[in-house]
Amino acid sequence: MTSEASPKPGPPVDASLPGPVQAGVLINRARSLLVGGIIGLHLLVVPAVIIAAFVGGARVAVSVALGAMVSLMFYTIGQAVQIRFAAAPARQLFAASMASFGARAALLALLLTGWANLGVDTQSRLSTVGLCIGVGAGVLGWLIGMARAYAKLRIPVYDEPEPEPVRTSEEAI
């Protein structure tokens, strides 16, 4: 029998709050997704702008770039909120994400309303098809980039379990 006293129980651990190491891991994962999204967006948008410049000229190329910029800003702000609240409890992260999405969607609605209220001569300076292509290429590139980045993340729950060492009867004693 040993003379060591059993340790006294400490304060209850709140499992919903990650520790500093886990918080760092979550923040790094969110940053990896941000970088992956930005790279994916650029890999799809840059060729789209170049093709638009050759096919439709500067007006269409600028429209594609502007549409891509809108989608880049939308997703970057959203992912920045994810990074900022990565270590927060799940409910707080969800609330921040929903508030961010609502604010970004409202901003897009205001932008679209402002665009619709411009004069025809001002609207004709940009190509609506180019804007749609830019937004579409930006969204698709962002999602592909994030999917690739997510596939490269090391998440222990999804990793194959390591085989346990074989224990002999002598080691068990």
N, C-alpha and C. Protein backbone atom coordinates (compact mmCIF):
# COMPACT_ATOMS: atom_id res chain seq x y z
N MET A 1 0.84 -1.17 0.00
CA MET A 1 0.00 0.00 0.00
C MET A 1 0.89 1.23 0.00
N THR A 2 0.52 2.21 -0.74
CA THR A 2 1.32 3.42 -0.80
C THR A 2 0.78 4.45 0.16
N SER A 3 1.65 5.36 0.54
CA SER A 3 1.25 6.38 1.48
C SER A 3 0.80 7.67 0.78
N GLU A 4 0.77 7.65 -0.55
CA GLU A 4 0.36 8.85 -1.27
C GLU A 4 -1.13 9.07 -1.11
N ALA A 5 -1.48 10.28 -0.79
CA ALA A 5 -2.89 10.61 -0.67
C ALA A 5 -3.45 10.87 -2.07
N SER A 6 -4.69 10.51 -2.25
CA SER A 6 -5.30 10.76 -3.56
C SER A 6 -5.48 12.27 -3.74
N PRO A 7 -5.29 12.75 -4.96
CA PRO A 7 -5.39 14.20 -5.17
C PRO A 7 -6.82 14.68 -4.93
N LYS A 8 -6.90 15.90 -4.39
CA LYS A 8 -8.21 16.49 -4.15
C LYS A 8 -8.82 16.92 -5.48
N PRO A 9 -10.10 16.72 -5.62
CA PRO A 9 -10.71 17.13 -6.89
C PRO A 9 -10.67 18.65 -7.02
N GLY A 10 -10.31 19.11 -8.20
CA GLY A 10 -10.24 20.55 -8.46
C GLY A 10 -11.59 21.07 -8.93
N PRO A 11 -11.61 22.29 -9.39
CA PRO A 11 -12.86 22.84 -9.89
C PRO A 11 -13.32 22.06 -11.12
N PRO A 12 -14.62 22.01 -11.34
CA PRO A 12 -15.11 21.25 -12.50
C PRO A 12 -14.58 21.84 -13.80
N VAL A 13 -14.27 20.95 -14.71
CA VAL A 13 -13.75 21.37 -16.01
C VAL A 13 -14.91 21.58 -16.95
N ASP A 14 -14.90 22.73 -17.62
CA ASP A 14 -15.93 23.01 -18.61
C ASP A 14 -15.43 22.49 -19.95
N ALA A 15 -15.93 21.35 -20.37
CA ALA A 15 -15.45 20.70 -21.60
C ALA A 15 -15.84 21.48 -22.85
N SER A 16 -16.80 22.39 -22.73
CA SER A 16 -17.22 23.13 -23.92
C SER A 16 -16.24 24.25 -24.27
N LEU A 17 -15.38 24.61 -23.33
CA LEU A 17 -14.39 25.65 -23.61
C LEU A 17 -13.04 25.01 -23.88
N PRO A 18 -12.47 25.26 -25.05
CA PRO A 18 -11.17 24.65 -25.33
C PRO A 18 -10.06 25.32 -24.54
N GLY A 19 -9.03 24.55 -24.23
CA GLY A 19 -7.87 25.09 -23.57
C GLY A 19 -7.04 25.90 -24.55
N PRO A 20 -5.95 26.53 -24.07
CA PRO A 20 -5.16 27.37 -24.96
C PRO A 20 -4.56 26.62 -26.14
N VAL A 21 -4.15 25.38 -25.93
CA VAL A 21 -3.58 24.61 -27.04
C VAL A 21 -4.66 24.29 -28.05
N GLN A 22 -5.81 23.81 -27.56
CA GLN A 22 -6.92 23.48 -28.47
C GLN A 22 -7.41 24.73 -29.18
N ALA A 23 -7.45 25.87 -28.50
CA ALA A 23 -7.87 27.12 -29.14
C ALA A 23 -6.93 27.48 -30.28
N GLY A 24 -5.63 27.31 -30.06
CA GLY A 24 -4.66 27.58 -31.12
C GLY A 24 -4.86 26.68 -32.32
N VAL A 25 -5.17 25.41 -32.06
CA VAL A 25 -5.41 24.47 -33.15
C VAL A 25 -6.63 24.89 -33.95
N LEU A 26 -7.70 25.27 -33.26
CA LEU A 26 -8.92 25.69 -33.95
C LEU A 26 -8.70 26.95 -34.77
N ILE A 27 -7.96 27.89 -34.22
CA ILE A 27 -7.67 29.14 -34.94
C ILE A 27 -6.82 28.84 -36.18
N ASN A 28 -5.82 27.98 -36.03
CA ASN A 28 -4.99 27.63 -37.18
C ASN A 28 -5.78 26.92 -38.27
N ARG A 29 -6.73 26.07 -37.87
CA ARG A 29 -7.58 25.41 -38.87
C ARG A 29 -8.42 26.44 -39.62
N ALA A 30 -9.00 27.39 -38.89
CA ALA A 30 -9.81 28.41 -39.55
C ALA A 30 -8.96 29.27 -40.48
N ARG A 31 -7.73 29.56 -40.07
CA ARG A 31 -6.83 30.33 -40.94
C ARG A 31 -6.48 29.54 -42.19
N SER A 32 -6.26 28.25 -42.04
CA SER A 32 -5.96 27.41 -43.20
C SER A 32 -7.11 27.43 -44.20
N LEU A 33 -8.33 27.41 -43.68
CA LEU A 33 -9.49 27.47 -44.57
C LEU A 33 -9.58 28.82 -45.26
N LEU A 34 -9.24 29.89 -44.56
CA LEU A 34 -9.23 31.23 -45.17
C LEU A 34 -8.22 31.29 -46.30
N VAL A 35 -7.02 30.83 -46.04
CA VAL A 35 -5.97 30.86 -47.07
C VAL A 35 -6.37 29.98 -48.25
N GLY A 36 -6.91 28.80 -47.98
CA GLY A 36 -7.35 27.92 -49.05
C GLY A 36 -8.43 28.55 -49.91
N GLY A 37 -9.38 29.22 -49.27
CA GLY A 37 -10.44 29.90 -50.02
C GLY A 37 -9.91 31.02 -50.89
N ILE A 38 -9.01 31.81 -50.34
CA ILE A 38 -8.43 32.93 -51.10
C ILE A 38 -7.63 32.41 -52.30
N ILE A 39 -6.84 31.37 -52.08
CA ILE A 39 -6.05 30.81 -53.18
C ILE A 39 -6.97 30.23 -54.26
N GLY A 40 -7.98 29.47 -53.83
CA GLY A 40 -8.91 28.89 -54.80
C GLY A 40 -9.64 29.95 -55.60
N LEU A 41 -10.08 31.00 -54.94
CA LEU A 41 -10.76 32.10 -55.64
C LEU A 41 -9.84 32.70 -56.69
N HIS A 42 -8.62 33.01 -56.31
CA HIS A 42 -7.70 33.63 -57.26
C HIS A 42 -7.36 32.71 -58.43
N LEU A 43 -7.22 31.42 -58.16
CA LEU A 43 -6.89 30.48 -59.23
C LEU A 43 -8.00 30.38 -60.27
N LEU A 44 -9.22 30.64 -59.87
CA LEU A 44 -10.32 30.59 -60.83
C LEU A 44 -10.63 31.96 -61.43
N VAL A 45 -10.46 33.02 -60.66
CA VAL A 45 -10.83 34.35 -61.12
C VAL A 45 -9.81 34.95 -62.08
N VAL A 46 -8.53 34.78 -61.81
CA VAL A 46 -7.51 35.38 -62.68
C VAL A 46 -7.66 34.92 -64.13
N PRO A 47 -7.80 33.62 -64.40
CA PRO A 47 -8.04 33.23 -65.79
C PRO A 47 -9.36 33.78 -66.35
N ALA A 48 -10.39 33.88 -65.50
CA ALA A 48 -11.66 34.43 -65.96
C ALA A 48 -11.51 35.89 -66.37
N VAL A 49 -10.75 36.66 -65.62
CA VAL A 49 -10.52 38.06 -65.98
C VAL A 49 -9.73 38.16 -67.28
N ILE A 50 -8.72 37.32 -67.44
CA ILE A 50 -7.91 37.35 -68.66
C ILE A 50 -8.76 36.97 -69.88
N ILE A 51 -9.55 35.92 -69.75
CA ILE A 51 -10.43 35.51 -70.85
C ILE A 51 -11.44 36.60 -71.15
N ALA A 52 -12.01 37.21 -70.10
CA ALA A 52 -12.98 38.29 -70.30
C ALA A 52 -12.35 39.47 -71.02
N ALA A 53 -11.09 39.77 -70.72
CA ALA A 53 -10.41 40.88 -71.38
C ALA A 53 -10.25 40.60 -72.87
N PHE A 54 -9.92 39.37 -73.23
CA PHE A 54 -9.77 39.03 -74.65
C PHE A 54 -11.11 38.96 -75.37
N VAL A 55 -12.11 38.39 -74.71
CA VAL A 55 -13.41 38.19 -75.36
C VAL A 55 -14.25 39.46 -75.37
N GLY A 56 -14.34 40.15 -74.25
CA GLY A 56 -15.26 41.28 -74.15
C GLY A 56 -14.61 42.63 -73.96
N GLY A 57 -13.32 42.66 -73.77
CA GLY A 57 -12.63 43.93 -73.59
C GLY A 57 -12.51 44.32 -72.12
N ALA A 58 -12.04 45.54 -71.93
CA ALA A 58 -11.75 46.03 -70.58
C ALA A 58 -13.01 46.14 -69.73
N ARG A 59 -14.13 46.54 -70.33
CA ARG A 59 -15.38 46.71 -69.58
C ARG A 59 -15.81 45.39 -68.94
N VAL A 60 -15.75 44.31 -69.69
CA VAL A 60 -16.15 43.01 -69.16
C VAL A 60 -15.12 42.51 -68.15
N ALA A 61 -13.85 42.72 -68.42
CA ALA A 61 -12.80 42.27 -67.49
C ALA A 61 -12.93 42.98 -66.15
N VAL A 62 -13.18 44.27 -66.17
CA VAL A 62 -13.36 45.02 -64.92
C VAL A 62 -14.61 44.53 -64.20
N SER A 63 -15.65 44.21 -64.94
CA SER A 63 -16.88 43.70 -64.33
C SER A 63 -16.65 42.36 -63.66
N VAL A 64 -15.91 41.47 -64.33
CA VAL A 64 -15.58 40.17 -63.73
C VAL A 64 -14.76 40.37 -62.45
N ALA A 65 -13.78 41.25 -62.51
CA ALA A 65 -12.93 41.51 -61.34
C ALA A 65 -13.75 42.11 -60.20
N LEU A 66 -14.67 43.00 -60.51
CA LEU A 66 -15.50 43.61 -59.48
C LEU A 66 -16.43 42.58 -58.84
N GLY A 67 -17.03 41.72 -59.65
CA GLY A 67 -17.88 40.66 -59.11
C GLY A 67 -17.10 39.71 -58.21
N ALA A 68 -15.88 39.38 -58.63
CA ALA A 68 -15.04 38.50 -57.81
C ALA A 68 -14.64 39.19 -56.52
N MET A 69 -14.40 40.50 -56.58
CA MET A 69 -14.03 41.24 -55.38
C MET A 69 -15.17 41.23 -54.36
N VAL A 70 -16.40 41.33 -54.85
CA VAL A 70 -17.55 41.30 -53.94
C VAL A 70 -17.61 39.94 -53.23
N SER A 71 -17.44 38.85 -53.99
CA SER A 71 -17.49 37.54 -53.34
C SER A 71 -16.28 37.33 -52.42
N LEU A 72 -15.12 37.85 -52.79
CA LEU A 72 -13.94 37.76 -51.93
C LEU A 72 -14.18 38.48 -50.60
N MET A 73 -14.73 39.67 -50.65
CA MET A 73 -15.00 40.42 -49.43
C MET A 73 -16.04 39.69 -48.57
N PHE A 74 -17.09 39.18 -49.20
CA PHE A 74 -18.15 38.48 -48.47
C PHE A 74 -17.57 37.30 -47.69
N TYR A 75 -16.82 36.46 -48.37
CA TYR A 75 -16.28 35.27 -47.73
C TYR A 75 -15.15 35.58 -46.76
N THR A 76 -14.31 36.55 -47.08
CA THR A 76 -13.19 36.88 -46.19
C THR A 76 -13.69 37.41 -44.86
N ILE A 77 -14.69 38.27 -44.90
CA ILE A 77 -15.26 38.78 -43.65
C ILE A 77 -15.86 37.64 -42.84
N GLY A 78 -16.58 36.76 -43.49
CA GLY A 78 -17.17 35.62 -42.79
C GLY A 78 -16.13 34.71 -42.17
N GLN A 79 -15.06 34.43 -42.90
CA GLN A 79 -14.02 33.56 -42.36
C GLN A 79 -13.23 34.27 -41.27
N ALA A 80 -13.09 35.59 -41.36
CA ALA A 80 -12.42 36.35 -40.30
C ALA A 80 -13.20 36.25 -39.00
N VAL A 81 -14.52 36.26 -39.09
CA VAL A 81 -15.35 36.08 -37.89
C VAL A 81 -15.13 34.67 -37.33
N GLN A 82 -15.03 33.68 -38.21
CA GLN A 82 -14.77 32.31 -37.75
C GLN A 82 -13.42 32.22 -37.02
N ILE A 83 -12.43 32.92 -37.54
CA ILE A 83 -11.11 32.92 -36.90
C ILE A 83 -11.19 33.60 -35.54
N ARG A 84 -11.86 34.73 -35.50
CA ARG A 84 -11.96 35.51 -34.27
C ARG A 84 -12.65 34.73 -33.16
N PHE A 85 -13.68 33.96 -33.50
CA PHE A 85 -14.46 33.25 -32.49
C PHE A 85 -14.17 31.75 -32.48
N ALA A 86 -13.08 31.31 -33.07
CA ALA A 86 -12.77 29.88 -33.15
C ALA A 86 -12.65 29.23 -31.77
N ALA A 87 -12.14 29.96 -30.81
CA ALA A 87 -11.93 29.39 -29.47
C ALA A 87 -13.12 29.65 -28.54
N ALA A 88 -14.16 30.28 -29.04
CA ALA A 88 -15.32 30.60 -28.22
C ALA A 88 -16.22 29.36 -28.07
N PRO A 89 -17.09 29.38 -27.08
CA PRO A 89 -18.07 28.30 -26.96
C PRO A 89 -18.93 28.21 -28.22
N ALA A 90 -19.48 27.04 -28.46
CA ALA A 90 -20.22 26.78 -29.70
C ALA A 90 -21.38 27.75 -29.92
N ARG A 91 -22.12 28.06 -28.88
CA ARG A 91 -23.27 28.98 -29.04
C ARG A 91 -22.81 30.39 -29.42
N GLN A 92 -21.72 30.83 -28.83
CA GLN A 92 -21.20 32.16 -29.15
C GLN A 92 -20.67 32.19 -30.59
N LEU A 93 -19.99 31.14 -31.01
CA LEU A 93 -19.51 31.05 -32.39
C LEU A 93 -20.67 31.06 -33.36
N PHE A 94 -21.71 30.30 -33.05
CA PHE A 94 -22.89 30.26 -33.92
C PHE A 94 -23.56 31.62 -33.99
N ALA A 95 -23.72 32.29 -32.85
CA ALA A 95 -24.35 33.62 -32.84
C ALA A 95 -23.53 34.62 -33.64
N ALA A 96 -22.22 34.59 -33.47
CA ALA A 96 -21.36 35.52 -34.22
C ALA A 96 -21.42 35.23 -35.72
N SER A 97 -21.44 33.96 -36.08
CA SER A 97 -21.51 33.59 -37.50
C SER A 97 -22.83 34.04 -38.11
N MET A 98 -23.92 33.83 -37.40
CA MET A 98 -25.22 34.23 -37.93
C MET A 98 -25.35 35.75 -38.02
N ALA A 99 -24.85 36.45 -37.02
CA ALA A 99 -24.88 37.92 -37.06
C ALA A 99 -24.03 38.43 -38.22
N SER A 100 -22.87 37.84 -38.41
CA SER A 100 -22.00 38.23 -39.51
C SER A 100 -22.67 37.97 -40.85
N PHE A 101 -23.27 36.80 -40.99
CA PHE A 101 -23.94 36.48 -42.26
C PHE A 101 -25.10 37.43 -42.51
N GLY A 102 -25.88 37.71 -41.49
CA GLY A 102 -26.99 38.66 -41.65
C GLY A 102 -26.52 40.04 -42.06
N ALA A 103 -25.45 40.51 -41.43
CA ALA A 103 -24.92 41.84 -41.78
C ALA A 103 -24.36 41.85 -43.20
N ARG A 104 -23.66 40.78 -43.58
CA ARG A 104 -23.10 40.73 -44.94
C ARG A 104 -24.20 40.62 -45.99
N ALA A 105 -25.23 39.83 -45.71
CA ALA A 105 -26.35 39.71 -46.65
C ALA A 105 -27.10 41.03 -46.77
N ALA A 106 -27.29 41.73 -45.66
CA ALA A 106 -27.95 43.04 -45.70
C ALA A 106 -27.11 44.04 -46.50
N LEU A 107 -25.80 43.99 -46.33
CA LEU A 107 -24.92 44.87 -47.09
C LEU A 107 -25.00 44.58 -48.59
N LEU A 108 -25.06 43.30 -48.94
CA LEU A 108 -25.23 42.94 -50.36
C LEU A 108 -26.58 43.42 -50.89
N ALA A 109 -27.62 43.32 -50.08
CA ALA A 109 -28.94 43.80 -50.50
C ALA A 109 -28.92 45.31 -50.72
N LEU A 110 -28.25 46.03 -49.83
CA LEU A 110 -28.12 47.49 -50.01
C LEU A 110 -27.32 47.81 -51.27
N LEU A 111 -26.27 47.06 -51.51
CA LEU A 111 -25.46 47.26 -52.71
C LEU A 111 -26.28 47.01 -53.97
N LEU A 112 -27.06 45.96 -53.97
CA LEU A 112 -27.91 45.64 -55.12
C LEU A 112 -29.00 46.69 -55.30
N THR A 113 -29.58 47.17 -54.21
CA THR A 113 -30.59 48.22 -54.30
C THR A 113 -29.99 49.50 -54.85
N GLY A 114 -28.80 49.84 -54.39
CA GLY A 114 -28.12 51.02 -54.93
C GLY A 114 -27.82 50.87 -56.40
N TRP A 115 -27.39 49.67 -56.80
CA TRP A 115 -27.11 49.40 -58.22
C TRP A 115 -28.38 49.55 -59.05
N ALA A 116 -29.50 49.02 -58.55
CA ALA A 116 -30.77 49.08 -59.29
C ALA A 116 -31.27 50.51 -59.42
N ASN A 117 -30.91 51.38 -58.50
CA ASN A 117 -31.39 52.76 -58.54
C ASN A 117 -30.47 53.70 -59.30
N LEU A 118 -29.38 53.18 -59.85
CA LEU A 118 -28.50 54.01 -60.67
C LEU A 118 -29.16 54.26 -62.03
N GLY A 119 -28.71 55.29 -62.66
CA GLY A 119 -29.22 55.58 -64.00
C GLY A 119 -28.73 54.53 -64.99
N VAL A 120 -29.44 54.45 -66.12
CA VAL A 120 -29.10 53.46 -67.14
C VAL A 120 -27.69 53.71 -67.69
N ASP A 121 -27.34 54.98 -67.87
CA ASP A 121 -26.01 55.29 -68.39
C ASP A 121 -24.90 54.86 -67.42
N THR A 122 -25.15 54.97 -66.13
CA THR A 122 -24.16 54.54 -65.13
C THR A 122 -24.10 53.02 -65.07
N GLN A 123 -25.25 52.37 -65.13
CA GLN A 123 -25.28 50.91 -65.09
C GLN A 123 -24.59 50.29 -66.30
N SER A 124 -24.67 50.97 -67.43
CA SER A 124 -24.10 50.40 -68.65
C SER A 124 -22.57 50.44 -68.66
N ARG A 125 -21.97 51.08 -67.68
CA ARG A 125 -20.50 51.09 -67.61
C ARG A 125 -19.94 49.73 -67.22
N LEU A 126 -20.75 48.93 -66.58
CA LEU A 126 -20.32 47.58 -66.20
C LEU A 126 -21.18 46.56 -66.93
N SER A 127 -20.62 45.41 -67.17
CA SER A 127 -21.33 44.32 -67.82
C SER A 127 -21.99 43.46 -66.75
N THR A 128 -23.31 43.29 -66.84
CA THR A 128 -24.01 42.45 -65.86
C THR A 128 -23.59 40.99 -66.01
N VAL A 129 -23.36 40.56 -67.24
CA VAL A 129 -22.88 39.19 -67.44
C VAL A 129 -21.49 39.03 -66.81
N GLY A 130 -20.64 40.02 -66.99
CA GLY A 130 -19.31 39.98 -66.38
C GLY A 130 -19.37 39.95 -64.87
N LEU A 131 -20.28 40.74 -64.28
CA LEU A 131 -20.45 40.71 -62.83
C LEU A 131 -20.87 39.33 -62.36
N CYS A 132 -21.83 38.74 -63.05
CA CYS A 132 -22.31 37.40 -62.67
C CYS A 132 -21.20 36.36 -62.81
N ILE A 133 -20.43 36.45 -63.88
CA ILE A 133 -19.32 35.51 -64.07
C ILE A 133 -18.29 35.69 -62.96
N GLY A 134 -18.00 36.93 -62.60
CA GLY A 134 -17.03 37.19 -61.54
C GLY A 134 -17.49 36.66 -60.19
N VAL A 135 -18.76 36.90 -59.86
CA VAL A 135 -19.29 36.40 -58.59
C VAL A 135 -19.30 34.87 -58.61
N GLY A 136 -19.77 34.29 -59.71
CA GLY A 136 -19.82 32.83 -59.81
C GLY A 136 -18.45 32.20 -59.72
N ALA A 137 -17.48 32.75 -60.45
CA ALA A 137 -16.12 32.22 -60.40
C ALA A 137 -15.53 32.40 -59.01
N GLY A 138 -15.82 33.52 -58.38
CA GLY A 138 -15.31 33.76 -57.03
C GLY A 138 -15.87 32.78 -56.02
N VAL A 139 -17.17 32.56 -56.07
CA VAL A 139 -17.81 31.63 -55.13
C VAL A 139 -17.32 30.21 -55.37
N LEU A 140 -17.30 29.79 -56.63
CA LEU A 140 -16.86 28.43 -56.95
C LEU A 140 -15.39 28.22 -56.57
N GLY A 141 -14.55 29.19 -56.89
CA GLY A 141 -13.13 29.08 -56.53
C GLY A 141 -12.93 29.03 -55.03
N TRP A 142 -13.67 29.86 -54.30
CA TRP A 142 -13.57 29.87 -52.83
C TRP A 142 -13.95 28.51 -52.26
N LEU A 143 -15.06 27.97 -52.73
CA LEU A 143 -15.53 26.69 -52.20
C LEU A 143 -14.57 25.55 -52.54
N ILE A 144 -14.05 25.54 -53.75
CA ILE A 144 -13.08 24.51 -54.13
C ILE A 144 -11.82 24.64 -53.29
N GLY A 145 -11.34 25.87 -53.11
CA GLY A 145 -10.15 26.09 -52.30
C GLY A 145 -10.35 25.69 -50.85
N MET A 146 -11.52 25.99 -50.31
CA MET A 146 -11.79 25.59 -48.92
C MET A 146 -11.91 24.08 -48.80
N ALA A 147 -12.52 23.44 -49.78
CA ALA A 147 -12.65 21.98 -49.74
C ALA A 147 -11.28 21.32 -49.79
N ARG A 148 -10.40 21.84 -50.62
CA ARG A 148 -9.03 21.29 -50.69
C ARG A 148 -8.29 21.52 -49.37
N ALA A 149 -8.43 22.72 -48.81
CA ALA A 149 -7.77 23.01 -47.54
C ALA A 149 -8.33 22.13 -46.42
N TYR A 150 -9.64 21.93 -46.42
CA TYR A 150 -10.27 21.10 -45.39
C TYR A 150 -9.80 19.66 -45.49
N ALA A 151 -9.63 19.18 -46.73
CA ALA A 151 -9.18 17.80 -46.92
C ALA A 151 -7.76 17.60 -46.39
N LYS A 152 -6.96 18.66 -46.34
CA LYS A 152 -5.58 18.56 -45.87
C LYS A 152 -5.45 18.74 -44.36
N LEU A 153 -6.51 19.18 -43.70
CA LEU A 153 -6.45 19.37 -42.25
C LEU A 153 -6.33 18.02 -41.55
N ARG A 154 -5.63 18.01 -40.45
CA ARG A 154 -5.50 16.80 -39.65
C ARG A 154 -6.50 16.88 -38.50
N ILE A 155 -7.61 16.21 -38.65
CA ILE A 155 -8.63 16.19 -37.61
C ILE A 155 -8.65 14.78 -37.04
N PRO A 156 -8.26 14.61 -35.78
CA PRO A 156 -8.07 13.27 -35.21
C PRO A 156 -9.31 12.38 -35.29
N VAL A 157 -10.49 12.95 -35.22
CA VAL A 157 -11.70 12.14 -35.25
C VAL A 157 -11.81 11.40 -36.57
N TYR A 158 -11.32 12.02 -37.65
CA TYR A 158 -11.45 11.42 -38.97
C TYR A 158 -10.25 10.57 -39.36
N ASP A 159 -9.16 10.65 -38.61
CA ASP A 159 -7.97 9.86 -38.94
C ASP A 159 -8.21 8.40 -38.57
N GLU A 160 -7.52 7.52 -39.27
CA GLU A 160 -7.58 6.10 -38.95
C GLU A 160 -6.95 5.88 -37.58
N PRO A 161 -7.56 5.05 -36.75
CA PRO A 161 -6.96 4.80 -35.43
C PRO A 161 -5.65 4.02 -35.57
N GLU A 162 -4.73 4.33 -34.69
CA GLU A 162 -3.46 3.62 -34.69
C GLU A 162 -3.67 2.28 -33.98
N PRO A 163 -3.05 1.23 -34.48
CA PRO A 163 -3.23 -0.08 -33.82
C PRO A 163 -2.59 -0.05 -32.44
N GLU A 164 -3.28 -0.68 -31.50
CA GLU A 164 -2.75 -0.75 -30.15
C GLU A 164 -1.65 -1.80 -30.09
N PRO A 165 -0.63 -1.55 -29.27
CA PRO A 165 0.45 -2.54 -29.18
C PRO A 165 -0.07 -3.83 -28.54
N VAL A 166 0.47 -4.91 -28.99
CA VAL A 166 0.08 -6.22 -28.45
C VAL A 166 0.76 -6.39 -27.09
N ARG A 167 -0.05 -6.70 -26.09
CA ARG A 167 0.48 -6.87 -24.73
C ARG A 167 0.56 -8.36 -24.41
N THR A 168 1.67 -8.74 -23.90
CA THR A 168 1.81 -10.14 -23.47
C THR A 168 1.31 -10.26 -22.04
N SER A 169 1.13 -11.46 -21.62
CA SER A 169 0.63 -11.67 -20.25
C SER A 169 1.64 -11.21 -19.21
N GLU A 170 2.93 -11.22 -19.54
CA GLU A 170 3.95 -10.77 -18.59
C GLU A 170 3.90 -9.26 -18.39
N GLU A 171 3.57 -8.51 -19.47
CA GLU A 171 3.51 -7.05 -19.37
C GLU A 171 2.30 -6.60 -18.56
N ALA A 172 1.25 -7.37 -18.57
CA ALA A 172 0.03 -7.00 -17.87
C ALA A 172 0.19 -7.07 -16.36
N ILE A 173 1.17 -7.82 -15.89
CA ILE A 173 1.35 -7.99 -14.45
C ILE A 173 2.09 -6.86 -13.85
